[in-house]
């Protein structure tokens, strides 16, 4: 793939973005978007992967890494955020290995084009699942030197769709009618707890990260379930892993003040129990008061998240 052209990102300077053209799929042309914030002279970098119904907007996370001397990159995966096109089904893939193409290309740019020699991959929620599976498949190649997983989507919460259909039926439905829309379990109150127009304090684009989410497709959900089964069998990630999750979860379809200080999307205990299956070197840290995206928690909780991250980085990514 030819080297792409970076231009100023929607976030403004110092963020740049470049389109990564990918192999067309059943819906036609497809691309991903690589965002970067370079630190002059840095040889170490972070690659961030967002969650489901999400995109990169957490500039304070990039600020933290940049202050520590890391160039910061983020991928808006195909059919998410900056990469979503009008002819596409939002967030839709039928196999999580489809993301290998943009991940491979992003790492190539970070290492070969921009000259970074150490790479930390930071995945949130679905991005954490994708990152862990990709790193396990690419084991032994030295592409990634560490994983920081923020509430990774390692296990399905008790979705009514999953309870009703069961894994075999869902697999069959995903193969037969992959774009069939299923009832979405997404709780809009989680986004309401974050966005400043509702009950939160964060600013982000509600067209790219809508509170009600996007349609839930049978093919996508079946792909996620297959990824979860792979995790349960055990991965072979060959680099150090830092896994963080909240200490508590809130399962509700209504507004609950607990959403301001618990994981309102996934079951944090399930995440923590599965983390040791990712590889042989896993550090598990539970964050009291953390919401699903831990770096969007309250200021005091964010300070704890960053302090724990810095302690881990000092041990496994000491400054050169």
Protein backbone atom coordinates (compact mmCIF):
# COMPACT_ATOMS: atom_id res chain seq x y z
CA UNK A 1 0.00 0.00 0.00
CA UNK A 2 1.34 3.43 -0.93
CA UNK A 3 2.21 5.90 1.82
CA UNK A 4 -0.82 8.04 2.63
CA UNK A 5 -1.10 11.80 3.01
CA UNK A 6 -1.79 13.21 6.48
CA UNK A 7 -3.93 16.32 6.80
CA UNK A 8 -5.27 18.24 9.78
CA UNK A 9 -7.78 16.12 11.67
CA UNK A 10 -11.29 17.13 12.77
CA UNK A 11 -9.81 17.62 16.25
CA UNK A 12 -7.52 20.33 14.91
CA UNK A 13 -3.77 20.73 15.33
CA UNK A 14 -1.62 18.96 16.44
CA UNK A 15 -3.77 16.03 15.26
CA UNK A 16 -3.43 14.79 11.69
CA UNK A 17 -5.41 12.10 9.91
CA UNK A 18 -4.93 9.98 6.83
CA UNK A 19 -7.28 7.65 5.01
CA UNK A 20 -6.17 4.04 4.67
CA UNK A 21 -7.83 2.56 1.55
CA UNK A 22 -8.68 -1.09 2.12
CA UNK A 23 -9.80 -4.03 0.00
CA UNK A 24 -13.47 -3.51 -0.97
CA UNK A 25 -15.98 -5.78 0.78
CA UNK A 26 -19.55 -6.85 0.06
CA UNK A 27 -20.76 -3.26 0.56
CA UNK A 28 -18.23 -1.69 -1.79
CA UNK A 29 -15.34 0.69 -1.10
CA UNK A 30 -14.02 0.65 2.45
CA UNK A 31 -11.31 2.50 4.34
CA UNK A 32 -9.99 3.15 7.83
CA UNK A 33 -8.62 6.39 9.29
CA UNK A 34 -5.27 6.73 11.05
CA UNK A 35 -4.98 9.73 13.37
CA UNK A 36 -1.64 10.80 14.80
CA UNK A 37 -0.06 13.31 17.15
CA UNK A 38 3.69 13.17 16.73
CA UNK A 39 6.20 13.92 19.48
CA UNK A 40 9.40 15.16 17.78
CA UNK A 41 12.31 12.82 18.34
CA UNK A 42 10.21 10.10 19.96
CA UNK A 43 10.96 6.48 19.11
CA UNK A 44 8.04 5.07 21.11
CA UNK A 45 4.38 5.22 20.17
CA UNK A 46 0.87 4.27 21.26
CA UNK A 47 -1.81 2.93 18.91
CA UNK A 48 -5.34 3.40 20.31
CA UNK A 49 -8.37 1.33 19.25
CA UNK A 50 -11.85 2.58 20.15
CA UNK A 51 -14.90 0.64 21.30
CA UNK A 52 -18.26 -0.25 19.71
CA UNK A 53 -20.33 2.72 18.47
CA UNK A 54 -17.29 4.88 19.11
CA UNK A 55 -14.40 6.82 17.60
CA UNK A 56 -11.27 8.56 18.87
CA UNK A 57 -11.93 11.87 20.66
CA UNK A 58 -10.16 11.39 24.03
CA UNK A 59 -7.49 14.05 23.53
CA UNK A 60 -6.61 14.09 27.24
CA UNK A 61 -5.43 10.48 26.84
CA UNK A 62 -3.16 11.55 24.00
CA UNK A 63 -1.98 14.49 26.13
CA UNK A 64 -0.92 12.10 28.87
CA UNK A 65 1.07 9.88 26.54
CA UNK A 66 2.62 12.85 24.71
CA UNK A 67 3.78 14.33 28.03
CA UNK A 68 5.51 11.01 28.72
CA UNK A 69 7.29 11.16 25.34
CA UNK A 70 5.02 8.89 23.26
CA UNK A 71 3.80 9.73 19.80
CA UNK A 72 0.08 8.99 19.80
CA UNK A 73 -1.85 7.23 17.04
CA UNK A 74 -5.48 6.13 16.89
CA UNK A 75 -7.43 4.09 14.37
CA UNK A 76 -11.04 4.73 13.49
CA UNK A 77 -11.69 1.23 12.19
CA UNK A 78 -13.62 0.58 8.99
CA UNK A 79 -17.26 1.72 9.21
CA UNK A 80 -16.68 3.58 12.48
CA UNK A 81 -16.40 7.30 13.18
CA UNK A 82 -14.33 9.15 10.59
CA UNK A 83 -14.27 6.03 8.40
CA UNK A 84 -18.04 5.49 8.10
CA UNK A 85 -19.41 6.11 4.60
CA UNK A 86 -23.07 6.58 3.52
CA UNK A 87 -23.23 3.27 1.65
CA UNK A 88 -22.03 1.25 4.66
CA UNK A 89 -23.73 -0.53 7.55
CA UNK A 90 -22.24 1.13 10.65
CA UNK A 91 -19.67 -0.93 12.59
CA UNK A 92 -20.40 -3.99 10.41
CA UNK A 93 -18.03 -6.88 9.79
CA UNK A 94 -18.67 -10.61 9.73
CA UNK A 95 -15.23 -11.62 11.03
CA UNK A 96 -12.96 -9.74 13.41
CA UNK A 97 -9.94 -10.78 11.32
CA UNK A 98 -11.15 -8.22 8.76
CA UNK A 99 -9.48 -5.59 10.96
CA UNK A 100 -6.08 -7.22 10.41
CA UNK A 101 -5.69 -5.20 7.22
CA UNK A 102 -5.86 -1.75 8.84
CA UNK A 103 -3.98 -2.86 11.96
CA UNK A 104 -1.12 -4.25 9.89
CA UNK A 105 -0.98 -1.05 7.84
CA UNK A 106 -1.12 1.21 10.90
CA UNK A 107 1.79 -0.64 12.51
CA UNK A 108 3.72 -0.40 9.24
CA UNK A 109 3.27 3.37 9.18
CA UNK A 110 4.19 3.76 12.85
CA UNK A 111 7.34 1.65 12.57
CA UNK A 112 8.58 1.86 8.98
CA UNK A 113 7.34 5.25 7.82
CA UNK A 114 7.50 7.27 11.05
CA UNK A 115 10.42 5.37 12.55
CA UNK A 116 9.15 4.30 15.98
CA UNK A 117 10.87 1.28 17.49
CA UNK A 118 8.52 0.48 20.40
CA UNK A 119 4.74 0.31 20.17
CA UNK A 120 2.13 0.03 22.92
CA UNK A 121 -1.35 -0.91 21.74
CA UNK A 122 -4.20 0.57 23.81
CA UNK A 123 -7.62 -0.96 23.21
CA UNK A 124 -10.92 0.05 24.80
CA UNK A 125 -13.94 -2.29 24.98
CA UNK A 126 -14.42 -3.89 21.52
CA UNK A 127 -11.08 -2.38 20.56
CA UNK A 128 -9.56 -4.29 23.46
CA UNK A 129 -10.96 -7.57 22.15
CA UNK A 130 -9.75 -6.80 18.61
CA UNK A 131 -6.31 -5.79 19.88
CA UNK A 132 -5.86 -8.94 21.98
CA UNK A 133 -6.96 -11.29 19.19
CA UNK A 134 -4.78 -9.53 16.59
CA UNK A 135 -1.72 -9.48 18.86
CA UNK A 136 -2.15 -13.17 19.61
CA UNK A 137 -2.38 -14.00 15.90
CA UNK A 138 0.66 -11.85 15.13
CA UNK A 139 2.70 -13.30 18.02
CA UNK A 140 6.43 -13.68 17.57
CA UNK A 141 6.78 -10.90 14.99
CA UNK A 142 7.67 -8.13 17.43
CA UNK A 143 4.98 -5.81 16.06
CA UNK A 144 3.65 -4.75 19.46
CA UNK A 145 5.67 -4.49 22.66
CA UNK A 146 2.79 -4.24 25.12
CA UNK A 147 -1.00 -4.06 25.49
CA UNK A 148 -3.02 -1.68 27.65
CA UNK A 149 -6.62 -2.89 27.72
CA UNK A 150 -9.26 -0.52 29.10
CA UNK A 151 -12.42 -2.51 29.98
CA UNK A 152 -11.90 -4.96 27.09
CA UNK A 153 -15.00 -6.64 25.65
CA UNK A 154 -13.96 -10.19 26.54
CA UNK A 155 -17.40 -11.50 27.46
CA UNK A 156 -20.96 -10.79 26.41
CA UNK A 157 -23.24 -9.36 29.08
CA UNK A 158 -26.49 -11.28 29.38
CA UNK A 159 -28.01 -9.94 26.17
CA UNK A 160 -31.63 -11.01 25.59
CA UNK A 161 -30.70 -11.79 21.98
CA UNK A 162 -27.94 -14.17 23.07
CA UNK A 163 -30.09 -15.75 25.78
CA UNK A 164 -32.92 -16.33 23.30
CA UNK A 165 -30.94 -17.55 20.32
CA UNK A 166 -27.91 -19.26 21.85
CA UNK A 167 -24.48 -19.33 20.23
CA UNK A 168 -25.15 -22.04 17.56
CA UNK A 169 -28.35 -20.37 16.38
CA UNK A 170 -26.66 -16.98 16.33
CA UNK A 171 -23.79 -18.36 14.25
CA UNK A 172 -26.27 -19.81 11.75
CA UNK A 173 -28.25 -16.57 11.61
CA UNK A 174 -25.04 -14.57 11.12
CA UNK A 175 -24.06 -16.74 8.16
CA UNK A 176 -27.50 -16.80 6.55
CA UNK A 177 -28.54 -13.18 7.05
CA UNK A 178 -25.51 -11.24 8.33
CA UNK A 179 -27.13 -7.79 7.95
CA UNK A 180 -30.29 -8.76 9.81
CA UNK A 181 -30.93 -6.17 12.51
CA UNK A 182 -31.37 -7.45 16.05
CA UNK A 183 -32.72 -5.68 19.14
CA UNK A 184 -29.86 -3.59 20.49
CA UNK A 185 -28.94 -3.96 24.17
CA UNK A 186 -27.14 -0.60 24.20
CA UNK A 187 -28.19 1.56 27.12
CA UNK A 188 -28.43 5.22 25.96
CA UNK A 189 -27.98 6.39 29.52
CA UNK A 190 -24.30 5.42 29.44
CA UNK A 191 -23.62 8.03 26.76
CA UNK A 192 -25.93 10.43 28.61
CA UNK A 193 -23.72 9.99 31.68
CA UNK A 194 -20.73 11.14 29.59
CA UNK A 195 -21.90 13.91 27.28
CA UNK A 196 -22.08 17.47 28.55
CA UNK A 197 -25.46 18.06 26.88
CA UNK A 198 -26.90 15.45 29.21
CA UNK A 199 -25.42 14.53 32.61
CA UNK A 200 -21.71 14.37 31.81
CA UNK A 201 -18.84 16.74 31.14
CA UNK A 202 -17.34 15.47 27.87
CA UNK A 203 -17.73 16.88 24.38
CA UNK A 204 -17.92 14.47 21.43
CA UNK A 205 -19.87 14.10 18.19
CA UNK A 206 -23.20 12.41 18.87
CA UNK A 207 -23.54 11.51 15.20
CA UNK A 208 -20.36 9.44 15.42
CA UNK A 209 -21.11 8.12 18.91
CA UNK A 210 -24.92 8.23 19.21
CA UNK A 211 -26.50 7.54 22.58
CA UNK A 212 -28.90 4.99 21.08
CA UNK A 213 -26.08 3.29 19.18
CA UNK A 214 -26.24 1.92 15.67
CA UNK A 215 -28.18 -1.16 14.50
CA UNK A 216 -26.93 -4.45 15.92
CA UNK A 217 -26.30 -6.84 13.03
CA UNK A 218 -26.47 -10.62 13.32
CA UNK A 219 -23.20 -11.11 11.42
CA UNK A 220 -21.31 -8.68 13.68
CA UNK A 221 -22.69 -10.22 16.86
CA UNK A 222 -21.79 -13.73 15.65
CA UNK A 223 -18.23 -12.51 14.93
CA UNK A 224 -17.97 -11.10 18.45
CA UNK A 225 -19.20 -14.38 19.92
CA UNK A 226 -16.54 -16.30 17.99
CA UNK A 227 -13.93 -13.90 19.34
CA UNK A 228 -15.18 -14.51 22.87
CA UNK A 229 -14.93 -18.28 22.42
CA UNK A 230 -11.35 -17.86 21.22
CA UNK A 231 -10.55 -15.87 24.37
CA UNK A 232 -12.12 -18.52 26.60
CA UNK A 233 -9.95 -21.18 24.94
CA UNK A 234 -6.91 -19.02 25.70
CA UNK A 235 -4.75 -16.65 23.67
CA UNK A 236 -0.96 -16.52 23.37
CA UNK A 237 -0.18 -12.81 23.56
CA UNK A 238 3.60 -12.73 23.88
CA UNK A 239 4.05 -9.23 25.35
CA UNK A 240 3.17 -7.72 28.76
CA UNK A 241 -0.50 -6.84 29.22
CA UNK A 242 -2.07 -4.27 31.53
CA UNK A 243 -5.80 -4.89 31.95
CA UNK A 244 -7.94 -2.37 33.83
CA UNK A 245 -11.62 -2.64 34.67
CA UNK A 246 -13.99 -1.04 37.12
CA UNK A 247 -14.67 -2.68 40.47
CA UNK A 248 -18.45 -2.70 39.85
CA UNK A 249 -21.06 -2.81 37.09
CA UNK A 250 -24.60 -1.49 36.77
CA UNK A 251 -27.08 -3.38 34.59
CA UNK A 252 -30.08 -1.19 33.86
CA UNK A 253 -32.25 0.08 31.01
CA UNK A 254 -33.19 3.21 32.97
CA UNK A 255 -31.24 6.11 34.34
CA UNK A 256 -29.34 5.19 37.49
CA UNK A 257 -26.89 7.54 39.27
CA UNK A 258 -24.57 4.53 39.66
CA UNK A 259 -23.75 4.88 35.96
CA UNK A 260 -21.56 7.83 36.96
CA UNK A 261 -19.16 5.58 38.89
CA UNK A 262 -19.59 1.99 37.62
CA UNK A 263 -19.32 0.14 34.30
CA UNK A 264 -22.72 0.56 32.69
CA UNK A 265 -21.94 -1.52 29.59
CA UNK A 266 -20.07 -4.72 30.53
CA UNK A 267 -19.72 -6.93 33.58
CA UNK A 268 -16.38 -5.90 35.05
CA UNK A 269 -16.01 -9.09 37.11
CA UNK A 270 -16.29 -11.21 33.95
CA UNK A 271 -13.61 -9.10 32.26
CA UNK A 272 -11.23 -9.52 35.19
CA UNK A 273 -11.81 -13.27 35.42
CA UNK A 274 -10.98 -13.80 31.72
CA UNK A 275 -7.93 -11.55 31.56
CA UNK A 276 -5.44 -14.27 32.63
CA UNK A 277 -6.41 -16.25 29.51
CA UNK A 278 -4.93 -13.60 27.23
CA UNK A 279 -1.30 -14.46 27.83
CA UNK A 280 1.25 -15.50 30.42
CA UNK A 281 2.14 -11.98 31.60
CA UNK A 282 -1.01 -10.08 32.63
CA UNK A 283 -1.34 -7.32 35.23
CA UNK A 284 -4.94 -6.85 36.41
CA UNK A 285 -5.98 -3.62 38.10
CA UNK A 286 -9.50 -2.82 39.28
CA UNK A 287 -10.47 0.85 39.40
CA UNK A 288 -12.96 1.88 42.07
CA UNK A 289 -15.40 4.44 40.73
CA UNK A 290 -14.48 3.76 37.11
CA UNK A 291 -17.02 3.97 34.30
CA UNK A 292 -16.86 1.74 31.23
CA UNK A 293 -14.31 3.91 29.43
CA UNK A 294 -12.06 4.40 32.42
CA UNK A 295 -10.36 7.49 31.03
CA UNK A 296 -13.77 9.21 30.91
CA UNK A 297 -14.35 8.67 34.64
CA UNK A 298 -14.39 11.49 37.18
CA UNK A 299 -11.22 13.52 37.60
CA UNK A 300 -10.09 11.74 40.77
CA UNK A 301 -10.65 8.32 39.20
CA UNK A 302 -8.83 9.34 36.02
CA UNK A 303 -5.89 10.37 38.14
CA UNK A 304 -5.81 6.85 39.60
CA UNK A 305 -6.04 5.30 36.12
CA UNK A 306 -3.11 7.36 34.86
CA UNK A 307 -1.06 6.75 38.01
CA UNK A 308 -1.47 2.97 37.62
CA UNK A 309 -0.68 3.22 33.91
CA UNK A 310 2.47 5.23 34.61
CA UNK A 311 3.61 2.71 37.23
CA UNK A 312 3.18 -0.12 34.74
CA UNK A 313 4.91 1.83 31.95
CA UNK A 314 7.85 2.56 34.25
CA UNK A 315 8.28 -1.17 34.81
CA UNK A 316 7.79 -2.44 31.24
CA UNK A 317 8.41 0.66 29.08
CA UNK A 318 11.11 2.63 30.89
CA UNK A 319 12.09 5.86 29.19
CA UNK A 320 15.05 5.31 26.85
